[in-house]
Amino acid sequence: MSLIDTGAIMMALGVFCVVAGVSMAAGSLWSPRYRAILEVMGGSLFLAGLGFAGADLTLAS
């Protein structure tokens, strides 16, 4: 038995990445100078978050 609940950690990391990615993509609307890099970084975090959450749901079932 593991003392660390890896499923909860992966889901929390997935939710954090999704929220951070959406926030960065939304923040790009107010910063035209850094729009391209914020959209790329936000999109990457969003996809990573979906991957973590999906992997957690797959491993949990």
C-alpha atoms as a PDB file:
ATOM      1  CA  MET A   1       0.000   0.000   0.000  1.00  0.00           C
ATOM      2  CA  SER A   2       1.363   3.352  -1.004  1.00  0.00           C
ATOM      3  CA  LEU A   3       1.230   6.326   1.306  1.00  0.00           C
ATOM      4  CA  ILE A   4       0.930   8.655  -1.672  1.00  0.00           C
ATOM      5  CA  ASP A   5      -2.311   8.709  -3.650  1.00  0.00           C
ATOM      6  CA  THR A   6      -0.915   9.041  -7.163  1.00  0.00           C
ATOM      7  CA  GLY A   7      -4.369   9.226  -8.718  1.00  0.00           C
ATOM      8  CA  ALA A   8      -5.252  12.310  -6.732  1.00  0.00           C
ATOM      9  CA  ILE A   9      -1.909  13.902  -7.544  1.00  0.00           C
ATOM     10  CA  MET A  10      -2.322  13.278 -11.285  1.00  0.00           C
ATOM     11  CA  MET A  11      -5.871  14.648 -11.293  1.00  0.00           C
ATOM     12  CA  ALA A  12      -4.813  17.728  -9.313  1.00  0.00           C
ATOM     13  CA  LEU A  13      -1.907  18.294 -11.694  1.00  0.00           C
ATOM     14  CA  GLY A  14      -4.238  17.890 -14.665  1.00  0.00           C
ATOM     15  CA  VAL A  15      -6.748  20.400 -13.298  1.00  0.00           C
ATOM     16  CA  PHE A  16      -3.953  22.838 -12.463  1.00  0.00           C
ATOM     17  CA  CYS A  17      -2.509  22.601 -15.982  1.00  0.00           C
ATOM     18  CA  VAL A  18      -5.918  23.081 -17.609  1.00  0.00           C
ATOM     19  CA  VAL A  19      -6.685  26.146 -15.488  1.00  0.00           C
ATOM     20  CA  ALA A  20      -3.208  27.621 -15.995  1.00  0.00           C
ATOM     21  CA  GLY A  21      -3.404  27.009 -19.745  1.00  0.00           C
ATOM     22  CA  VAL A  22      -6.801  28.658 -20.100  1.00  0.00           C
ATOM     23  CA  SER A  23      -5.645  31.583 -17.955  1.00  0.00           C
ATOM     24  CA  MET A  24      -2.541  32.128 -20.079  1.00  0.00           C
ATOM     25  CA  ALA A  25      -4.536  31.951 -23.298  1.00  0.00           C
ATOM     26  CA  ALA A  26      -7.057  34.436 -21.885  1.00  0.00           C
ATOM     27  CA  GLY A  27      -4.230  36.680 -20.694  1.00  0.00           C
ATOM     28  CA  SER A  28      -2.885  36.844 -24.210  1.00  0.00           C
ATOM     29  CA  LEU A  29      -5.898  38.951 -25.173  1.00  0.00           C
ATOM     30  CA  TRP A  30      -4.660  41.801 -22.966  1.00  0.00           C
ATOM     31  CA  SER A  31      -1.036  41.606 -24.067  1.00  0.00           C
ATOM     32  CA  PRO A  32      -0.689  41.910 -27.841  1.00  0.00           C
ATOM     33  CA  ARG A  33       3.080  42.031 -27.592  1.00  0.00           C
ATOM     34  CA  TYR A  34       3.329  38.558 -26.051  1.00  0.00           C
ATOM     35  CA  ARG A  35       0.180  37.077 -27.630  1.00  0.00           C
ATOM     36  CA  ALA A  36       1.878  34.381 -29.693  1.00  0.00           C
ATOM     37  CA  ILE A  37       4.039  32.977 -26.904  1.00  0.00           C
ATOM     38  CA  LEU A  38       1.241  33.110 -24.320  1.00  0.00           C
ATOM     39  CA  GLU A  39      -1.126  31.281 -26.646  1.00  0.00           C
ATOM     40  CA  VAL A  40       1.435  28.578 -27.406  1.00  0.00           C
ATOM     41  CA  MET A  41       2.380  28.102 -23.755  1.00  0.00           C
ATOM     42  CA  GLY A  42      -1.273  28.179 -22.667  1.00  0.00           C
ATOM     43  CA  GLY A  43      -2.289  25.675 -25.306  1.00  0.00           C
ATOM     44  CA  SER A  44       0.552  23.359 -24.352  1.00  0.00           C
ATOM     45  CA  LEU A  45      -0.402  23.486 -20.678  1.00  0.00           C
ATOM     46  CA  PHE A  46      -4.031  22.880 -21.569  1.00  0.00           C
ATOM     47  CA  LEU A  47      -3.164  19.775 -23.601  1.00  0.00           C
ATOM     48  CA  ALA A  48      -0.820  18.515 -20.887  1.00  0.00           C
ATOM     49  CA  GLY A  49      -3.608  18.935 -18.342  1.00  0.00           C
ATOM     50  CA  LEU A  50      -6.021  16.965 -20.505  1.00  0.00           C
ATOM     51  CA  GLY A  51      -3.385  14.264 -20.821  1.00  0.00           C
ATOM     52  CA  PHE A  52      -2.811  14.030 -17.071  1.00  0.00           C
ATOM     53  CA  ALA A  53      -6.527  13.963 -16.288  1.00  0.00           C
ATOM     54  CA  GLY A  54      -7.198  11.404 -19.027  1.00  0.00           C
ATOM     55  CA  ALA A  55      -4.367   9.185 -17.884  1.00  0.00           C
ATOM     56  CA  ASP A  56      -5.657   9.353 -14.322  1.00  0.00           C
ATOM     57  CA  LEU A  57      -9.164   8.360 -15.393  1.00  0.00           C
ATOM     58  CA  THR A  58      -7.768   5.506 -17.484  1.00  0.00           C
ATOM     59  CA  LEU A  59      -5.581   4.206 -14.676  1.00  0.00           C
ATOM     60  CA  ALA A  60      -8.402   4.502 -12.130  1.00  0.00           C
ATOM     61  CA  SER A  61     -10.771   2.275 -14.086  1.00  0.00           C
END
